[in-house]
N, C-alpha and C. Protein backbone atom coordinates (compact mmCIF):
# COMPACT_ATOMS: atom_id res chain seq x y z
N GLN A 1 102.53 113.88 115.15
CA GLN A 1 103.30 113.48 113.99
C GLN A 1 103.08 112.01 113.68
N VAL A 2 103.20 111.67 112.41
CA VAL A 2 103.08 110.30 111.93
C VAL A 2 104.28 110.01 111.04
N GLN A 3 104.85 108.84 111.22
CA GLN A 3 105.95 108.41 110.36
C GLN A 3 105.49 107.22 109.53
N LEU A 4 105.90 107.21 108.28
CA LEU A 4 105.58 106.12 107.35
C LEU A 4 106.87 105.58 106.77
N VAL A 5 107.02 104.25 106.81
CA VAL A 5 108.21 103.62 106.28
C VAL A 5 107.79 102.56 105.27
N GLU A 6 108.25 102.72 104.03
CA GLU A 6 107.91 101.78 102.96
C GLU A 6 109.02 100.76 102.78
N SER A 7 108.64 99.62 102.20
CA SER A 7 109.61 98.61 101.80
C SER A 7 109.01 97.79 100.68
N GLY A 8 109.87 97.05 99.97
CA GLY A 8 109.39 96.09 99.00
C GLY A 8 109.55 96.47 97.54
N GLY A 9 110.08 97.63 97.24
CA GLY A 9 110.28 97.98 95.84
C GLY A 9 111.38 97.13 95.22
N GLY A 10 111.57 97.30 93.92
CA GLY A 10 112.62 96.56 93.25
C GLY A 10 112.47 96.54 91.76
N LEU A 11 113.20 95.61 91.14
CA LEU A 11 113.25 95.45 89.69
C LEU A 11 112.53 94.17 89.33
N VAL A 12 111.62 94.25 88.35
CA VAL A 12 110.86 93.07 87.96
C VAL A 12 110.58 93.10 86.47
N GLN A 13 110.50 91.94 85.88
CA GLN A 13 110.18 91.85 84.47
C GLN A 13 108.68 92.04 84.25
N ALA A 14 108.32 92.58 83.10
CA ALA A 14 106.91 92.78 82.76
C ALA A 14 106.14 91.48 82.92
N GLY A 15 104.96 91.61 83.52
CA GLY A 15 104.15 90.43 83.81
C GLY A 15 104.37 89.87 85.20
N GLY A 16 105.40 90.35 85.86
CA GLY A 16 105.72 89.86 87.20
C GLY A 16 104.95 90.59 88.29
N SER A 17 105.33 90.28 89.54
CA SER A 17 104.62 90.82 90.70
C SER A 17 105.60 91.37 91.72
N LEU A 18 105.11 92.34 92.47
CA LEU A 18 105.83 92.88 93.62
C LEU A 18 104.81 93.21 94.69
N ARG A 19 105.27 93.21 95.92
CA ARG A 19 104.41 93.60 97.04
C ARG A 19 105.12 94.69 97.83
N LEU A 20 104.45 95.82 97.96
CA LEU A 20 104.97 96.93 98.75
C LEU A 20 104.32 96.92 100.12
N SER A 21 105.08 97.32 101.12
CA SER A 21 104.55 97.43 102.48
C SER A 21 104.84 98.82 103.04
N CYS A 22 103.96 99.24 103.93
CA CYS A 22 104.14 100.54 104.58
C CYS A 22 103.68 100.41 106.02
N ALA A 23 104.54 100.84 106.94
CA ALA A 23 104.22 100.79 108.36
C ALA A 23 104.09 102.21 108.91
N ALA A 24 103.02 102.46 109.62
CA ALA A 24 102.77 103.76 110.22
C ALA A 24 103.08 103.72 111.71
N SER A 25 103.61 104.82 112.21
CA SER A 25 103.88 104.93 113.64
C SER A 25 103.74 106.39 114.06
N GLY A 26 103.70 106.60 115.36
CA GLY A 26 103.56 107.96 115.88
C GLY A 26 102.33 108.06 116.76
N ARG A 27 102.42 108.94 117.73
CA ARG A 27 101.35 109.06 118.72
C ARG A 27 100.05 109.53 118.09
N GLU A 28 100.15 110.28 117.00
CA GLU A 28 98.94 110.84 116.40
C GLU A 28 98.18 109.81 115.57
N PHE A 29 98.85 108.79 115.12
CA PHE A 29 98.21 107.85 114.18
C PHE A 29 97.18 106.99 114.90
N THR A 30 96.01 106.85 114.24
CA THR A 30 94.97 105.96 114.74
C THR A 30 94.38 105.20 113.56
N THR A 31 93.55 104.23 113.85
CA THR A 31 92.92 103.45 112.79
C THR A 31 91.90 104.28 112.01
N TYR A 32 91.60 105.50 112.47
CA TYR A 32 90.69 106.37 111.72
C TYR A 32 91.41 107.12 110.61
N TYR A 33 92.72 106.99 110.54
CA TYR A 33 93.44 107.56 109.42
C TYR A 33 93.21 106.70 108.18
N ASN A 34 93.06 107.34 107.07
CA ASN A 34 92.99 106.65 105.78
C ASN A 34 94.41 106.46 105.27
N MET A 35 94.67 105.37 104.56
CA MET A 35 96.03 105.08 104.09
C MET A 35 95.99 104.69 102.61
N GLY A 36 97.06 105.00 101.92
CA GLY A 36 97.08 104.65 100.50
C GLY A 36 98.44 104.83 99.86
N TRP A 37 98.44 104.72 98.53
CA TRP A 37 99.66 104.81 97.74
C TRP A 37 99.47 105.77 96.58
N PHE A 38 100.53 106.51 96.33
CA PHE A 38 100.66 107.33 95.13
C PHE A 38 101.94 106.90 94.42
N ARG A 39 102.11 107.34 93.21
CA ARG A 39 103.35 107.07 92.49
C ARG A 39 103.72 108.25 91.61
N GLN A 40 105.01 108.35 91.33
CA GLN A 40 105.50 109.40 90.45
C GLN A 40 106.53 108.81 89.50
N ALA A 41 106.19 108.83 88.23
CA ALA A 41 107.10 108.36 87.19
C ALA A 41 108.00 109.51 86.74
N PRO A 42 109.16 109.19 86.16
CA PRO A 42 110.08 110.25 85.70
C PRO A 42 109.39 111.20 84.72
N GLY A 43 109.50 112.49 85.00
CA GLY A 43 108.93 113.49 84.12
C GLY A 43 107.43 113.67 84.21
N LYS A 44 106.81 112.97 85.15
CA LYS A 44 105.35 113.06 85.29
C LYS A 44 104.98 113.54 86.68
N GLU A 45 103.73 113.98 86.80
CA GLU A 45 103.24 114.39 88.10
C GLU A 45 102.92 113.16 88.95
N ARG A 46 102.95 113.37 90.24
CA ARG A 46 102.54 112.32 91.16
C ARG A 46 101.06 112.00 90.93
N GLU A 47 100.68 110.72 91.01
CA GLU A 47 99.31 110.33 90.78
C GLU A 47 98.86 109.32 91.83
N PHE A 48 97.56 109.34 92.08
CA PHE A 48 96.96 108.40 93.02
C PHE A 48 96.97 107.00 92.44
N VAL A 49 97.19 106.00 93.31
CA VAL A 49 97.17 104.60 92.88
C VAL A 49 96.05 103.83 93.58
N ALA A 50 96.08 103.78 94.89
CA ALA A 50 95.10 102.98 95.64
C ALA A 50 95.01 103.49 97.07
N ALA A 51 93.86 103.25 97.69
CA ALA A 51 93.67 103.67 99.08
C ALA A 51 92.77 102.70 99.81
N HIS A 52 93.03 102.60 101.11
CA HIS A 52 92.21 101.79 102.00
C HIS A 52 91.73 102.73 103.11
N MET A 53 90.45 102.97 103.15
CA MET A 53 89.91 103.94 104.09
C MET A 53 89.71 103.34 105.47
N TRP A 54 89.45 104.21 106.43
CA TRP A 54 89.30 103.76 107.81
C TRP A 54 88.11 102.81 107.98
N ASN A 55 87.10 102.95 107.08
CA ASN A 55 85.90 102.12 107.18
C ASN A 55 85.98 100.88 106.29
N ASP A 56 87.18 100.53 105.84
CA ASP A 56 87.45 99.35 105.01
C ASP A 56 87.08 99.53 103.54
N ALA A 57 86.60 100.68 103.16
CA ALA A 57 86.38 100.93 101.74
C ALA A 57 87.73 101.03 101.03
N THR A 58 87.75 100.61 99.77
CA THR A 58 88.97 100.73 98.97
C THR A 58 88.69 101.50 97.70
N ARG A 59 89.74 102.09 97.18
CA ARG A 59 89.63 102.86 95.95
C ARG A 59 90.88 102.64 95.13
N TYR A 60 90.72 102.53 93.80
CA TYR A 60 91.85 102.32 92.90
C TYR A 60 91.74 103.25 91.70
N THR A 61 92.88 103.64 91.18
CA THR A 61 92.86 104.35 89.91
C THR A 61 92.56 103.33 88.81
N ASP A 62 91.95 103.78 87.73
CA ASP A 62 91.48 102.86 86.70
C ASP A 62 92.59 101.99 86.13
N SER A 63 93.77 102.53 85.97
CA SER A 63 94.85 101.79 85.28
C SER A 63 95.36 100.59 86.07
N VAL A 64 95.05 100.50 87.37
CA VAL A 64 95.55 99.37 88.16
C VAL A 64 94.43 98.43 88.61
N LYS A 65 93.20 98.77 88.32
CA LYS A 65 92.08 97.91 88.73
C LYS A 65 92.23 96.52 88.13
N GLY A 66 92.04 95.52 88.98
CA GLY A 66 92.18 94.14 88.52
C GLY A 66 93.60 93.62 88.57
N ARG A 67 94.58 94.50 88.78
CA ARG A 67 95.98 94.08 88.86
C ARG A 67 96.57 94.32 90.24
N PHE A 68 96.19 95.41 90.88
CA PHE A 68 96.71 95.78 92.19
C PHE A 68 95.64 95.56 93.25
N THR A 69 96.07 95.13 94.43
CA THR A 69 95.17 94.98 95.56
C THR A 69 95.81 95.58 96.80
N ILE A 70 95.04 96.37 97.52
CA ILE A 70 95.54 96.99 98.74
C ILE A 70 94.97 96.27 99.96
N PHE A 71 95.85 96.00 100.92
CA PHE A 71 95.47 95.31 102.15
C PHE A 71 95.84 96.20 103.34
N ARG A 72 95.05 96.09 104.38
CA ARG A 72 95.35 96.87 105.59
C ARG A 72 95.27 95.97 106.81
N ASP A 73 96.23 96.12 107.70
CA ASP A 73 96.25 95.38 108.96
C ASP A 73 96.25 96.42 110.09
N ASN A 74 95.09 96.63 110.69
CA ASN A 74 94.98 97.66 111.73
C ASN A 74 95.74 97.27 113.00
N ALA A 75 95.91 95.99 113.23
CA ALA A 75 96.65 95.57 114.43
C ALA A 75 98.13 95.97 114.32
N LYS A 76 98.64 95.99 113.10
CA LYS A 76 100.04 96.32 112.88
C LYS A 76 100.25 97.72 112.33
N ASN A 77 99.15 98.43 112.03
CA ASN A 77 99.24 99.75 111.40
C ASN A 77 100.01 99.70 110.08
N THR A 78 99.70 98.72 109.28
CA THR A 78 100.39 98.56 108.00
C THR A 78 99.40 98.48 106.84
N ILE A 79 99.87 98.87 105.67
CA ILE A 79 99.16 98.59 104.44
C ILE A 79 100.14 97.96 103.46
N ASP A 80 99.65 97.04 102.67
CA ASP A 80 100.43 96.40 101.62
C ASP A 80 99.76 96.68 100.28
N LEU A 81 100.56 96.76 99.26
CA LEU A 81 100.06 96.88 97.91
C LEU A 81 100.59 95.71 97.09
N GLN A 82 99.72 94.76 96.79
CA GLN A 82 100.09 93.63 95.95
C GLN A 82 99.91 94.04 94.50
N MET A 83 101.00 94.00 93.74
CA MET A 83 100.98 94.44 92.35
C MET A 83 101.27 93.27 91.44
N ASN A 84 100.29 92.89 90.65
CA ASN A 84 100.43 91.78 89.71
C ASN A 84 100.38 92.30 88.27
N SER A 85 100.81 91.46 87.36
CA SER A 85 100.79 91.81 85.93
C SER A 85 101.42 93.18 85.69
N LEU A 86 102.56 93.40 86.29
CA LEU A 86 103.22 94.71 86.18
C LEU A 86 103.66 94.98 84.75
N GLN A 87 103.57 96.24 84.38
CA GLN A 87 103.95 96.70 83.05
C GLN A 87 104.97 97.82 83.16
N PRO A 88 105.74 98.06 82.11
CA PRO A 88 106.72 99.15 82.17
C PRO A 88 106.11 100.50 82.57
N ASP A 89 104.86 100.73 82.21
CA ASP A 89 104.20 101.99 82.60
C ASP A 89 103.98 102.11 84.10
N ASP A 90 104.15 101.01 84.83
CA ASP A 90 104.03 101.05 86.29
C ASP A 90 105.33 101.50 86.95
N THR A 91 106.37 101.66 86.18
CA THR A 91 107.65 102.13 86.72
C THR A 91 107.51 103.51 87.33
N ALA A 92 107.88 103.62 88.60
CA ALA A 92 107.73 104.90 89.31
C ALA A 92 108.29 104.75 90.72
N VAL A 93 108.41 105.87 91.39
CA VAL A 93 108.63 105.85 92.83
C VAL A 93 107.25 105.80 93.48
N TYR A 94 107.05 104.84 94.34
CA TYR A 94 105.77 104.66 95.01
C TYR A 94 105.86 105.22 96.43
N TYR A 95 104.88 106.05 96.77
CA TYR A 95 104.85 106.71 98.06
C TYR A 95 103.64 106.26 98.88
N CYS A 96 103.90 105.89 100.10
CA CYS A 96 102.83 105.61 101.05
C CYS A 96 102.33 106.93 101.60
N ALA A 97 101.04 107.00 101.87
CA ALA A 97 100.44 108.24 102.37
C ALA A 97 99.36 107.92 103.39
N THR A 98 99.17 108.84 104.31
CA THR A 98 98.08 108.70 105.26
C THR A 98 97.50 110.06 105.56
N SER A 99 96.19 110.08 105.79
CA SER A 99 95.52 111.35 105.98
C SER A 99 94.22 111.15 106.73
N ARG A 100 93.82 112.16 107.46
CA ARG A 100 92.55 112.10 108.17
C ARG A 100 91.37 112.23 107.21
N ARG A 101 91.53 112.91 106.12
CA ARG A 101 90.48 113.02 105.11
C ARG A 101 90.61 111.92 104.08
N TRP A 102 89.46 111.39 103.62
CA TRP A 102 89.49 110.32 102.62
C TRP A 102 89.54 110.90 101.20
N ASP A 103 89.05 112.12 101.02
CA ASP A 103 88.92 112.66 99.67
C ASP A 103 90.23 113.20 99.11
N VAL A 104 91.28 113.17 99.89
CA VAL A 104 92.57 113.63 99.36
C VAL A 104 93.28 112.53 98.59
N PHE A 105 92.73 111.32 98.66
CA PHE A 105 93.32 110.20 97.91
C PHE A 105 92.78 110.23 96.49
N ALA A 106 93.32 111.17 95.74
CA ALA A 106 92.94 111.41 94.34
C ALA A 106 93.94 112.40 93.78
N GLY A 107 93.99 112.48 92.46
CA GLY A 107 94.86 113.47 91.84
C GLY A 107 96.31 113.31 92.28
N ASP A 108 96.94 114.40 92.63
CA ASP A 108 98.34 114.37 93.03
C ASP A 108 98.53 114.32 94.54
N GLY A 109 97.44 114.20 95.28
CA GLY A 109 97.53 114.07 96.73
C GLY A 109 98.09 115.29 97.43
N SER A 110 97.87 116.45 96.88
CA SER A 110 98.50 117.66 97.43
C SER A 110 98.05 117.98 98.86
N GLN A 111 96.93 117.43 99.28
CA GLN A 111 96.45 117.73 100.62
C GLN A 111 96.60 116.57 101.60
N VAL A 112 97.36 115.59 101.21
CA VAL A 112 97.66 114.47 102.11
C VAL A 112 98.44 114.97 103.31
N ASP A 113 98.15 114.39 104.48
CA ASP A 113 98.79 114.84 105.71
C ASP A 113 100.25 114.38 105.83
N TYR A 114 100.50 113.11 105.57
CA TYR A 114 101.83 112.56 105.79
C TYR A 114 102.25 111.65 104.63
N TRP A 115 103.56 111.66 104.35
CA TRP A 115 104.13 110.87 103.26
C TRP A 115 105.29 110.02 103.77
N GLY A 116 105.47 108.87 103.11
CA GLY A 116 106.68 108.10 103.31
C GLY A 116 107.78 108.62 102.42
N GLN A 117 108.93 107.98 102.50
CA GLN A 117 110.09 108.46 101.75
C GLN A 117 110.10 107.98 100.30
N GLY A 118 109.31 106.99 99.99
CA GLY A 118 109.22 106.48 98.63
C GLY A 118 110.06 105.25 98.42
N THR A 119 109.60 104.38 97.53
CA THR A 119 110.35 103.18 97.15
C THR A 119 110.24 103.00 95.65
N GLN A 120 111.36 102.68 95.03
CA GLN A 120 111.42 102.58 93.56
C GLN A 120 110.90 101.24 93.08
N VAL A 121 110.04 101.30 92.08
CA VAL A 121 109.58 100.11 91.36
C VAL A 121 109.96 100.29 89.90
N THR A 122 110.72 99.34 89.36
CA THR A 122 111.14 99.39 87.97
C THR A 122 110.71 98.12 87.27
N VAL A 123 109.95 98.27 86.18
CA VAL A 123 109.45 97.14 85.41
C VAL A 123 110.09 97.19 84.03
N PHE A 124 110.81 96.12 83.65
CA PHE A 124 111.48 96.11 82.36
C PHE A 124 110.80 95.08 81.46
N SER A 125 110.84 95.38 80.16
CA SER A 125 110.20 94.48 79.19
C SER A 125 111.20 93.52 78.58
């Protein structure tokens, strides 16, 4: 089993920044797990946001490229998502995810192995 705990959500004005953090724990978790973030806005399906793979490769959805950056600290088993130039369309519950497969970090993440509980990000104009 793997546990994921997120922190760092909140309320921010458009154009502002937030940083989300996620800590992984559990006997099964290793640095070979891929880690990333998804989000789900009200009335919409969950969507992929960003991922940091075990081999240090990163992947972002087009709408956040150039604004969001994902960081990984293997010593601490954490990933952070630095979100800049936030817009109201970024409002959603953000979920940390980890999986042994890298290709599940796409779409709605239906095949992701483990999820965090989610943290709310609200961007107002």
